[in-house]
Amino acid sequence: MTLEERMAKMEADYGKQSDLLEARQGRVLTEHGDWLASHDAAMKQHDEAMKKLDERIVGLVSGVWEFMRRENPPA
């Protein structure tokens, strides 16, 4: 079997290489888009959690500061 015949058989069995490559690239782009959307959602959730934590820390530090001020008033 010649190389041309082999290539013709492969194209008949599997389709053209360019078509296979396009299909693969399309899947890769779709999967990456899905991953990116998931990553963005996770980062947004993380940012919201960090904002709440920051607010809690500020409240605690303010409370401690107020307690210290009341216990040790300036002379």
Protein backbone atom coordinates (compact mmCIF):
# COMPACT_ATOMS: atom_id res chain seq x y z
CA MET A 1 0.00 0.00 0.00
CA THR A 2 1.41 3.36 -0.99
CA LEU A 3 1.61 6.34 1.32
CA GLU A 4 -1.19 8.07 -0.62
CA GLU A 5 -3.41 5.02 -0.22
CA ARG A 6 -2.70 4.86 3.51
CA MET A 7 -3.50 8.54 3.90
CA ALA A 8 -6.74 8.13 1.93
CA LYS A 9 -7.74 5.19 4.17
CA MET A 10 -6.93 7.13 7.34
CA GLU A 11 -8.95 10.11 6.13
CA ALA A 12 -11.86 7.80 5.31
CA ASP A 13 -11.66 6.16 8.74
CA TYR A 14 -10.94 9.18 10.94
CA GLY A 15 -11.58 12.29 8.87
CA LYS A 16 -9.08 14.88 7.75
CA GLN A 17 -6.32 15.85 10.15
CA SER A 18 -7.29 19.51 9.91
CA ASP A 19 -10.88 18.67 10.91
CA LEU A 20 -9.64 16.64 13.88
CA LEU A 21 -7.34 19.46 14.94
CA GLU A 22 -10.14 22.02 14.71
CA ALA A 23 -12.42 19.80 16.81
CA ARG A 24 -9.69 19.33 19.41
CA GLN A 25 -8.95 23.05 19.58
CA GLY A 26 -12.65 23.76 19.97
CA ARG A 27 -12.83 21.34 22.93
CA VAL A 28 -9.72 22.88 24.48
CA LEU A 29 -11.17 26.38 24.19
CA THR A 30 -14.50 25.28 25.65
CA GLU A 31 -12.82 23.49 28.55
CA HIS A 32 -10.59 26.48 29.23
CA GLY A 33 -13.59 28.82 29.18
CA ASP A 34 -15.37 26.58 31.69
CA TRP A 35 -12.27 26.48 33.91
CA LEU A 36 -11.88 30.25 33.72
CA ALA A 37 -15.51 30.83 34.74
CA SER A 38 -15.08 28.43 37.66
CA HIS A 39 -11.83 30.11 38.68
CA ASP A 40 -13.41 33.58 38.54
CA ALA A 41 -16.30 32.41 40.73
CA ALA A 42 -13.88 30.90 43.26
CA MET A 43 -11.81 34.10 43.34
CA LYS A 44 -14.94 36.20 43.90
CA GLN A 45 -15.98 33.93 46.77
CA HIS A 46 -12.47 34.17 48.23
CA ASP A 47 -12.46 37.96 47.98
CA GLU A 48 -15.83 38.18 49.73
CA ALA A 49 -14.60 35.89 52.53
CA MET A 50 -11.45 37.99 52.96
CA LYS A 51 -13.52 41.20 53.11
CA LYS A 52 -15.68 39.72 55.89
CA LEU A 53 -12.56 38.58 57.74
CA ASP A 54 -11.00 42.03 57.43
CA GLU A 55 -14.17 43.63 58.80
CA ARG A 56 -14.17 41.21 61.73
CA ILE A 57 -10.51 41.90 62.51
CA VAL A 58 -11.10 45.67 62.41
CA GLY A 59 -14.03 45.24 64.81
CA LEU A 60 -11.98 43.14 67.20
CA VAL A 61 -9.01 45.50 67.16
CA SER A 62 -11.32 48.48 67.68
CA GLY A 63 -12.95 46.71 70.61
CA VAL A 64 -9.62 45.93 72.22
CA TRP A 65 -8.44 49.50 71.63
CA GLU A 66 -11.61 50.88 73.24
CA PHE A 67 -11.22 48.51 76.22
CA MET A 68 -7.59 49.57 76.70
CA ARG A 69 -8.55 53.24 76.47
CA ARG A 70 -11.22 52.87 79.15
CA GLU A 71 -8.98 50.86 81.46
CA ASN A 72 -6.06 53.26 81.12
CA PRO A 73 -7.45 56.77 80.53
CA PRO A 74 -4.93 59.42 79.53
CA ALA A 75 -3.55 61.41 82.46
